[in-house]
Amino acid sequence: MVKIHLYSDPAHGWLKVSYNDLAKHGLLGAISGYSYMRGKDYFLEEDSDAGMYLQKLKQKGIQYEIVEHTSNKSSKIRNYARVQW
């Protein structure tokens, strides 16, 4: 089982996924500019990119567990670089 971390603030949420994991599942270049990146970590926007990633895992029969990290303050993720390909 794969553990996936979900970070959220009062307005939005993001799944944290590594560059290598995106590459392994053929999603490089498919992530939108609504998601963020920092180093080799990508923070997939909850309304589209995160769903696309989770759907890919389901298609491959990969089970996952979402570990939630919730804050009542604006997330620092909003200050990371936007994804650009």
N, C-alpha and C. Protein backbone atom coordinates (compact mmCIF):
# COMPACT_ATOMS: atom_id res chain seq x y z
N MET A 1 0.84 -1.18 0.00
CA MET A 1 0.00 0.00 0.00
C MET A 1 0.88 1.24 0.00
N VAL A 2 0.52 2.19 -0.84
CA VAL A 2 1.25 3.45 -0.97
C VAL A 2 0.61 4.50 -0.08
N LYS A 3 1.42 5.21 0.68
CA LYS A 3 0.92 6.33 1.48
C LYS A 3 1.10 7.62 0.68
N ILE A 4 0.03 8.38 0.57
CA ILE A 4 0.05 9.65 -0.15
C ILE A 4 -0.36 10.73 0.83
N HIS A 5 0.42 11.79 0.87
CA HIS A 5 0.14 12.88 1.81
C HIS A 5 -0.67 13.96 1.12
N LEU A 6 -1.77 14.34 1.78
CA LEU A 6 -2.65 15.40 1.33
C LEU A 6 -2.49 16.58 2.28
N TYR A 7 -2.07 17.71 1.74
CA TYR A 7 -1.91 18.93 2.52
C TYR A 7 -3.04 19.88 2.14
N SER A 8 -3.70 20.45 3.14
CA SER A 8 -4.79 21.36 2.82
C SER A 8 -4.81 22.54 3.77
N ASP A 9 -5.32 23.65 3.24
CA ASP A 9 -5.56 24.84 4.04
C ASP A 9 -7.06 25.14 3.93
N PRO A 10 -7.55 26.23 4.47
CA PRO A 10 -9.00 26.47 4.43
C PRO A 10 -9.60 26.55 3.03
N ALA A 11 -8.79 26.81 2.02
CA ALA A 11 -9.35 27.01 0.69
C ALA A 11 -9.01 25.92 -0.32
N HIS A 12 -7.95 25.12 -0.07
CA HIS A 12 -7.53 24.19 -1.12
C HIS A 12 -6.70 23.05 -0.55
N GLY A 13 -6.41 22.07 -1.42
CA GLY A 13 -5.60 20.93 -1.00
C GLY A 13 -4.73 20.43 -2.14
N TRP A 14 -3.64 19.73 -1.76
CA TRP A 14 -2.67 19.23 -2.72
C TRP A 14 -2.13 17.87 -2.28
N LEU A 15 -1.99 16.97 -3.22
CA LEU A 15 -1.33 15.69 -2.96
C LEU A 15 0.16 15.85 -3.24
N LYS A 16 0.99 15.39 -2.33
CA LYS A 16 2.44 15.44 -2.52
C LYS A 16 2.89 14.17 -3.24
N VAL A 17 3.53 14.36 -4.40
CA VAL A 17 3.98 13.24 -5.23
C VAL A 17 5.39 13.55 -5.74
N SER A 18 6.24 12.57 -5.76
CA SER A 18 7.61 12.80 -6.22
C SER A 18 7.67 12.84 -7.76
N TYR A 19 8.71 13.49 -8.25
CA TYR A 19 8.98 13.53 -9.69
C TYR A 19 9.09 12.11 -10.23
N ASN A 20 9.82 11.25 -9.52
CA ASN A 20 10.01 9.86 -9.97
C ASN A 20 8.70 9.11 -10.07
N ASP A 21 7.78 9.37 -9.13
CA ASP A 21 6.48 8.70 -9.16
C ASP A 21 5.65 9.19 -10.35
N LEU A 22 5.70 10.49 -10.63
CA LEU A 22 5.00 10.99 -11.81
C LEU A 22 5.56 10.35 -13.07
N ALA A 23 6.88 10.25 -13.15
CA ALA A 23 7.52 9.64 -14.32
C ALA A 23 7.13 8.18 -14.45
N LYS A 24 7.14 7.47 -13.34
CA LYS A 24 6.82 6.03 -13.34
C LYS A 24 5.41 5.77 -13.88
N HIS A 25 4.50 6.70 -13.63
CA HIS A 25 3.11 6.52 -14.05
C HIS A 25 2.77 7.28 -15.33
N GLY A 26 3.80 7.79 -16.01
CA GLY A 26 3.59 8.43 -17.29
C GLY A 26 2.86 9.76 -17.23
N LEU A 27 3.02 10.49 -16.15
CA LEU A 27 2.28 11.74 -15.99
C LEU A 27 3.13 13.00 -16.13
N LEU A 28 4.40 12.84 -16.45
CA LEU A 28 5.22 14.04 -16.68
C LEU A 28 4.63 14.80 -17.87
N GLY A 29 4.50 16.07 -17.74
CA GLY A 29 3.93 16.88 -18.80
C GLY A 29 2.42 16.98 -18.75
N ALA A 30 1.77 16.12 -17.97
CA ALA A 30 0.30 16.13 -17.89
C ALA A 30 -0.22 16.99 -16.73
N ILE A 31 0.65 17.36 -15.82
CA ILE A 31 0.24 18.13 -14.64
C ILE A 31 0.09 19.59 -15.04
N SER A 32 -0.98 20.21 -14.58
CA SER A 32 -1.30 21.58 -14.97
C SER A 32 -0.52 22.62 -14.18
N GLY A 33 -0.61 23.84 -14.61
CA GLY A 33 0.01 24.97 -13.93
C GLY A 33 -0.70 25.37 -12.66
N TYR A 34 -1.78 24.66 -12.31
CA TYR A 34 -2.47 24.91 -11.04
C TYR A 34 -1.79 24.17 -9.89
N SER A 35 -0.88 23.27 -10.22
CA SER A 35 -0.12 22.53 -9.22
C SER A 35 1.22 23.22 -8.98
N TYR A 36 1.88 22.82 -7.91
CA TYR A 36 3.13 23.44 -7.51
C TYR A 36 4.26 22.41 -7.44
N MET A 37 5.50 22.92 -7.41
CA MET A 37 6.64 22.03 -7.27
C MET A 37 7.70 22.70 -6.40
N ARG A 38 8.43 21.84 -5.71
CA ARG A 38 9.55 22.30 -4.89
C ARG A 38 10.57 21.18 -4.89
N GLY A 39 11.73 21.44 -5.46
CA GLY A 39 12.72 20.38 -5.59
C GLY A 39 12.16 19.26 -6.46
N LYS A 40 12.22 18.05 -5.95
CA LYS A 40 11.69 16.90 -6.69
C LYS A 40 10.29 16.50 -6.24
N ASP A 41 9.67 17.36 -5.44
CA ASP A 41 8.31 17.09 -4.96
C ASP A 41 7.31 17.95 -5.72
N TYR A 42 6.21 17.33 -6.09
CA TYR A 42 5.12 18.02 -6.77
C TYR A 42 3.90 17.98 -5.87
N PHE A 43 3.16 19.07 -5.88
CA PHE A 43 1.97 19.19 -5.05
C PHE A 43 0.79 19.36 -6.01
N LEU A 44 0.09 18.25 -6.22
CA LEU A 44 -0.95 18.18 -7.24
C LEU A 44 -2.25 18.79 -6.74
N GLU A 45 -2.73 19.76 -7.47
CA GLU A 45 -3.94 20.48 -7.15
C GLU A 45 -5.12 19.52 -7.07
N GLU A 46 -5.93 19.67 -6.03
CA GLU A 46 -6.96 18.69 -5.70
C GLU A 46 -8.09 18.58 -6.71
N ASP A 47 -8.40 19.63 -7.46
CA ASP A 47 -9.58 19.60 -8.33
C ASP A 47 -9.37 18.88 -9.65
N SER A 48 -8.13 18.73 -10.10
CA SER A 48 -7.94 18.02 -11.37
C SER A 48 -6.71 17.12 -11.35
N ASP A 49 -5.56 17.68 -11.07
CA ASP A 49 -4.32 16.90 -11.15
C ASP A 49 -4.27 15.75 -10.15
N ALA A 50 -4.73 16.00 -8.94
CA ALA A 50 -4.72 14.94 -7.93
C ALA A 50 -5.63 13.78 -8.36
N GLY A 51 -6.80 14.11 -8.89
CA GLY A 51 -7.72 13.08 -9.36
C GLY A 51 -7.15 12.27 -10.50
N MET A 52 -6.44 12.92 -11.41
CA MET A 52 -5.81 12.23 -12.53
C MET A 52 -4.76 11.24 -12.00
N TYR A 53 -3.98 11.66 -11.02
CA TYR A 53 -2.96 10.79 -10.43
C TYR A 53 -3.60 9.59 -9.74
N LEU A 54 -4.63 9.85 -8.93
CA LEU A 54 -5.29 8.75 -8.21
C LEU A 54 -5.97 7.79 -9.19
N GLN A 55 -6.52 8.30 -10.26
CA GLN A 55 -7.14 7.45 -11.28
C GLN A 55 -6.10 6.54 -11.91
N LYS A 56 -4.92 7.07 -12.16
CA LYS A 56 -3.82 6.27 -12.74
C LYS A 56 -3.46 5.12 -11.80
N LEU A 57 -3.38 5.42 -10.51
CA LEU A 57 -3.07 4.37 -9.53
C LEU A 57 -4.15 3.29 -9.55
N LYS A 58 -5.41 3.70 -9.59
CA LYS A 58 -6.53 2.74 -9.62
C LYS A 58 -6.45 1.86 -10.86
N GLN A 59 -6.15 2.48 -12.01
CA GLN A 59 -6.05 1.73 -13.27
C GLN A 59 -4.98 0.65 -13.19
N LYS A 60 -3.93 0.94 -12.44
CA LYS A 60 -2.82 -0.01 -12.31
C LYS A 60 -3.01 -0.96 -11.13
N GLY A 61 -4.14 -0.84 -10.43
CA GLY A 61 -4.42 -1.73 -9.30
C GLY A 61 -3.58 -1.43 -8.07
N ILE A 62 -3.07 -0.21 -7.97
CA ILE A 62 -2.24 0.17 -6.83
C ILE A 62 -3.13 0.72 -5.72
N GLN A 63 -3.05 0.10 -4.56
CA GLN A 63 -3.82 0.56 -3.42
C GLN A 63 -3.07 1.67 -2.72
N TYR A 64 -3.82 2.62 -2.20
CA TYR A 64 -3.18 3.75 -1.52
C TYR A 64 -3.98 4.16 -0.29
N GLU A 65 -3.27 4.84 0.57
CA GLU A 65 -3.86 5.41 1.79
C GLU A 65 -3.50 6.89 1.78
N ILE A 66 -4.49 7.74 2.02
CA ILE A 66 -4.24 9.18 2.06
C ILE A 66 -4.07 9.61 3.51
N VAL A 67 -2.94 10.25 3.76
CA VAL A 67 -2.62 10.78 5.09
C VAL A 67 -2.86 12.28 5.02
N GLU A 68 -3.81 12.77 5.81
CA GLU A 68 -4.20 14.17 5.73
C GLU A 68 -3.42 15.05 6.71
N HIS A 69 -3.02 16.21 6.20
CA HIS A 69 -2.36 17.25 6.99
C HIS A 69 -3.15 18.53 6.74
N THR A 70 -3.92 18.95 7.72
CA THR A 70 -4.81 20.09 7.55
C THR A 70 -4.36 21.26 8.42
N SER A 71 -4.42 22.45 7.82
CA SER A 71 -4.04 23.66 8.55
C SER A 71 -5.18 24.67 8.44
N ASN A 72 -5.33 25.49 9.46
CA ASN A 72 -6.34 26.55 9.41
C ASN A 72 -5.73 27.86 8.89
N LYS A 73 -4.47 27.81 8.47
CA LYS A 73 -3.77 28.96 7.90
C LYS A 73 -3.46 28.68 6.43
N SER A 74 -3.18 29.73 5.69
CA SER A 74 -2.81 29.59 4.28
C SER A 74 -1.53 28.74 4.18
N SER A 75 -1.53 27.78 3.29
CA SER A 75 -0.41 26.85 3.15
C SER A 75 0.80 27.51 2.49
N LYS A 76 1.98 27.11 2.95
CA LYS A 76 3.22 27.59 2.32
C LYS A 76 3.38 27.03 0.91
N ILE A 77 2.62 26.00 0.58
CA ILE A 77 2.67 25.43 -0.77
C ILE A 77 2.33 26.49 -1.81
N ARG A 78 1.47 27.43 -1.45
CA ARG A 78 1.07 28.50 -2.38
C ARG A 78 2.26 29.36 -2.81
N ASN A 79 3.36 29.33 -2.05
CA ASN A 79 4.54 30.11 -2.38
C ASN A 79 5.56 29.34 -3.21
N TYR A 80 5.31 28.06 -3.47
CA TYR A 80 6.21 27.25 -4.28
C TYR A 80 6.04 27.63 -5.76
N ALA A 81 6.96 27.18 -6.58
CA ALA A 81 6.89 27.44 -8.01
C ALA A 81 5.73 26.67 -8.63
N ARG A 82 5.07 27.30 -9.57
CA ARG A 82 4.01 26.62 -10.33
C ARG A 82 4.66 25.64 -11.30
N VAL A 83 3.97 24.56 -11.56
CA VAL A 83 4.47 23.56 -12.51
C VAL A 83 4.49 24.17 -13.91
N GLN A 84 5.61 24.01 -14.57
CA GLN A 84 5.75 24.42 -15.99
C GLN A 84 6.51 23.33 -16.72
N TRP A 85 6.08 23.01 -17.90
CA TRP A 85 6.75 21.98 -18.70
C TRP A 85 7.38 22.60 -19.90
